[in-house]
Amino acid sequence: MAIQLPELPYAKDALAPVISANTLEFHYGKHHRAYVDNANKLIAGTPFEKESLEAIIQKTSGDAAKVGIFNNTAQIWNHSFYWQCLKPGGGGAPTGAIAAKIAAAWGSYDKFAEELKTAGITQFGSGWAWLVSDSGQLKIVKTANADTPIAHGLTPLLTLDVWEHAYYLDYQNRRPDYLTAVIDKLINWDFVNERLA
């Protein structure tokens, strides 16, 4: 079964002004779609054709002969997850189970938000900043390029995309401003709480 490009959970202009419709047009409509198209070409006629996205990622991670398949399928998964992590009118301090877990792990939401932002700022080049569960313990990690926590036995709860195509049309080289705006105004804490359950 071919890998599908998932529908966005909101209209392309719904995240503006933090993330513009123009950015989503390129980021979702061109970049994400290209990963789907490339992955389907790469897995055509192989046993991976019948595998789930997660299974393909786990089976190709670290295999130099299958790096193209890994990069494209991991980027599909990362982007599909990223879209779920955002919502209009989101951001700021969470409520629910995640709020208590963040307070227990970092002492305060502000400390957590600062560390998440720092992870995104200090990810050299392209990549991702993540909030993950590692056997029930919350951690902030970063991954380069297409790498993803699901290739390392971690459970992703939240991600911020720090590839330049995620923010350059709106923020140019001001990655910290993009991260601040997304953390303050777009994080979908309902989705994060669902991931905890």
Protein backbone atom coordinates (compact mmCIF):
# COMPACT_ATOMS: atom_id res chain seq x y z
CA MET A 1 0.00 0.00 0.00
CA ALA A 2 1.41 3.38 -1.00
CA ILE A 3 2.39 5.86 1.69
CA GLN A 4 -0.10 8.72 1.77
CA LEU A 5 0.37 12.43 2.43
CA PRO A 6 -1.87 13.06 5.46
CA GLU A 7 -4.32 15.93 5.48
CA LEU A 8 -3.29 18.95 7.53
CA PRO A 9 -5.39 19.16 10.72
CA TYR A 10 -6.18 22.84 9.97
CA ALA A 11 -6.39 25.27 7.06
CA LYS A 12 -3.10 26.48 5.57
CA ASP A 13 -3.69 29.99 6.92
CA ALA A 14 -4.78 28.85 10.40
CA LEU A 15 -1.34 29.23 12.04
CA ALA A 16 -0.76 32.78 10.79
CA PRO A 17 0.83 35.09 11.69
CA VAL A 18 3.25 32.74 13.51
CA ILE A 19 3.55 30.44 10.49
CA SER A 20 2.19 31.91 7.27
CA ALA A 21 0.04 30.21 4.65
CA ASN A 22 2.94 30.80 2.25
CA THR A 23 5.28 28.77 4.47
CA LEU A 24 2.74 25.95 4.79
CA GLU A 25 2.19 25.98 1.03
CA PHE A 26 5.88 25.20 0.53
CA HIS A 27 6.60 23.20 3.68
CA TYR A 28 3.58 20.91 3.52
CA GLY A 29 2.62 21.23 -0.13
CA LYS A 30 6.12 20.85 -1.62
CA HIS A 31 8.61 19.44 0.96
CA HIS A 32 6.34 16.97 2.75
CA ARG A 33 4.74 15.87 -0.53
CA ALA A 34 8.19 15.33 -2.10
CA TYR A 35 9.21 13.00 0.77
CA VAL A 36 6.03 10.97 0.17
CA ASP A 37 6.60 10.79 -3.59
CA ASN A 38 10.29 9.87 -3.18
CA ALA A 39 9.59 7.23 -0.53
CA ASN A 40 6.95 5.55 -2.69
CA LYS A 41 9.39 5.38 -5.61
CA LEU A 42 12.16 3.97 -3.40
CA ILE A 43 10.03 1.22 -1.82
CA ALA A 44 8.20 0.22 -5.03
CA GLY A 45 8.78 -3.48 -5.71
CA THR A 46 10.52 -4.08 -2.36
CA PRO A 47 9.25 -5.88 0.78
CA PHE A 48 8.93 -2.41 2.38
CA GLU A 49 5.90 -1.77 0.14
CA LYS A 50 3.71 -3.70 2.59
CA GLU A 51 5.26 -2.31 5.81
CA SER A 52 4.04 0.50 8.03
CA LEU A 53 5.97 3.77 8.03
CA GLU A 54 7.26 3.06 11.57
CA ALA A 55 8.44 -0.44 10.60
CA ILE A 56 10.28 0.88 7.53
CA ILE A 57 12.02 3.53 9.66
CA GLN A 58 13.10 1.00 12.28
CA LYS A 59 14.31 -1.52 9.69
CA THR A 60 16.32 1.00 7.64
CA SER A 61 17.81 3.11 10.48
CA GLY A 62 21.60 2.89 10.47
CA ASP A 63 21.73 0.89 7.21
CA ALA A 64 23.94 2.83 4.78
CA ALA A 65 22.49 0.90 1.83
CA LYS A 66 18.98 2.09 2.70
CA VAL A 67 19.72 5.67 3.74
CA GLY A 68 17.48 7.13 1.02
CA ILE A 69 14.50 5.09 2.20
CA PHE A 70 15.20 6.01 5.83
CA ASN A 71 15.61 9.73 5.13
CA ASN A 72 12.37 10.02 3.16
CA THR A 73 10.19 7.83 5.39
CA ALA A 74 11.53 9.39 8.61
CA GLN A 75 10.88 12.87 7.22
CA ILE A 76 7.31 11.85 6.35
CA TRP A 77 6.79 10.61 9.91
CA ASN A 78 8.48 13.64 11.51
CA HIS A 79 6.44 16.11 9.48
CA SER A 80 3.13 14.29 9.99
CA PHE A 81 3.86 14.37 13.73
CA TYR A 82 4.93 18.03 13.67
CA TRP A 83 1.64 19.18 12.10
CA GLN A 84 -0.23 17.48 14.98
CA CYS A 85 1.96 19.32 17.52
CA LEU A 86 0.62 22.70 16.37
CA LYS A 87 -2.78 24.33 16.63
CA PRO A 88 -4.24 27.81 16.27
CA GLY A 89 -4.46 29.47 19.67
CA GLY A 90 -2.16 26.93 21.29
CA GLY A 91 1.11 27.39 23.14
CA GLY A 92 1.96 28.72 26.55
CA ALA A 93 1.89 26.69 29.74
CA PRO A 94 0.05 23.36 29.43
CA THR A 95 -2.66 21.87 31.62
CA GLY A 96 -3.40 18.23 32.36
CA ALA A 97 -0.99 15.38 32.93
CA ILE A 98 1.82 16.91 30.87
CA ALA A 99 1.86 20.01 33.09
CA ALA A 100 2.55 17.90 36.20
CA LYS A 101 5.20 15.82 34.41
CA ILE A 102 6.98 18.94 33.12
CA ALA A 103 6.93 20.50 36.60
CA ALA A 104 8.36 17.28 38.08
CA ALA A 105 11.11 17.00 35.45
CA TRP A 106 12.15 20.67 35.08
CA GLY A 107 10.80 22.41 38.16
CA SER A 108 8.75 24.86 36.09
CA TYR A 109 7.21 25.33 32.68
CA ASP A 110 9.48 28.34 32.03
CA LYS A 111 12.61 26.23 32.58
CA PHE A 112 11.25 23.53 30.27
CA ALA A 113 10.34 26.07 27.55
CA GLU A 114 13.82 27.61 27.75
CA GLU A 115 15.51 24.20 27.39
CA LEU A 116 13.26 23.21 24.47
CA LYS A 117 14.03 26.50 22.72
CA THR A 118 17.77 26.07 23.40
CA ALA A 119 17.69 22.57 21.90
CA GLY A 120 16.15 24.02 18.73
CA ILE A 121 18.59 26.92 18.56
CA THR A 122 21.68 24.75 19.15
CA GLN A 123 20.74 22.01 16.67
CA PHE A 124 23.48 22.73 14.15
CA GLY A 125 22.12 22.73 10.62
CA SER A 126 18.86 20.99 9.85
CA GLY A 127 16.96 18.89 12.34
CA TRP A 128 14.41 18.69 15.11
CA ALA A 129 13.98 19.46 18.82
CA TRP A 130 11.85 16.93 20.71
CA LEU A 131 10.13 16.29 24.00
CA VAL A 132 10.23 12.51 24.43
CA SER A 133 9.39 9.87 26.98
CA ASP A 134 12.26 7.49 27.70
CA SER A 135 10.68 4.62 29.65
CA GLY A 136 8.33 7.12 31.30
CA GLN A 137 10.97 9.77 32.00
CA LEU A 138 10.62 13.06 30.09
CA LYS A 139 13.66 14.32 28.20
CA ILE A 140 14.44 16.99 25.62
CA VAL A 141 16.53 15.67 22.73
CA LYS A 142 17.51 16.92 19.31
CA THR A 143 18.03 14.98 16.10
CA ALA A 144 19.90 15.95 12.95
CA ASN A 145 18.42 15.90 9.46
CA ALA A 146 15.80 13.13 9.17
CA ASP A 147 16.71 11.27 12.35
CA THR A 148 13.78 10.55 14.64
CA PRO A 149 13.31 9.32 18.22
CA ILE A 150 11.28 6.33 17.03
CA ALA A 151 14.49 4.93 15.52
CA HIS A 152 16.03 4.96 19.03
CA GLY A 153 13.29 3.43 21.18
CA LEU A 154 12.02 6.77 22.47
CA THR A 155 8.38 7.91 22.46
CA PRO A 156 7.96 11.36 20.87
CA LEU A 157 5.50 13.67 22.64
CA LEU A 158 6.25 16.99 20.88
CA THR A 159 8.55 18.26 18.15
CA LEU A 160 9.73 21.55 16.69
CA ASP A 161 11.04 21.52 13.12
CA VAL A 162 14.26 23.53 12.78
CA TRP A 163 14.96 22.86 9.13
CA GLU A 164 15.24 26.23 7.41
CA HIS A 165 12.23 25.50 5.20
CA ALA A 166 10.08 25.48 8.40
CA TYR A 167 10.71 29.16 9.11
CA TYR A 168 12.86 30.96 6.54
CA LEU A 169 10.07 32.59 4.50
CA ASP A 170 8.65 34.13 7.70
CA TYR A 171 11.72 34.64 9.91
CA GLN A 172 14.74 34.48 7.57
CA ASN A 173 17.75 33.59 9.78
CA ARG A 174 15.93 34.35 13.07
CA ARG A 175 15.43 30.77 14.24
CA PRO A 176 15.12 31.85 17.93
CA ASP A 177 12.20 34.16 17.06
CA TYR A 178 10.41 31.33 15.23
CA LEU A 179 10.93 28.95 18.16
CA THR A 180 9.71 31.51 20.71
CA ALA A 181 6.57 32.23 18.66
CA VAL A 182 5.72 28.54 18.16
CA ILE A 183 6.29 27.68 21.84
CA ASP A 184 4.27 30.67 23.04
CA LYS A 185 1.41 30.52 20.53
CA LEU A 186 1.07 27.20 18.68
CA ILE A 187 1.95 24.10 20.73
CA ASN A 188 -0.96 21.68 20.79
CA TRP A 189 -0.87 20.52 24.42
CA ASP A 190 -4.07 18.48 23.90
CA PHE A 191 -2.16 16.32 21.42
CA VAL A 192 0.79 15.98 23.83
CA ASN A 193 -1.55 14.89 26.63
CA GLU A 194 -3.11 12.30 24.30
CA ARG A 195 0.37 10.93 23.57
CA LEU A 196 0.98 10.54 27.31
CA ALA A 197 -2.19 8.50 27.86
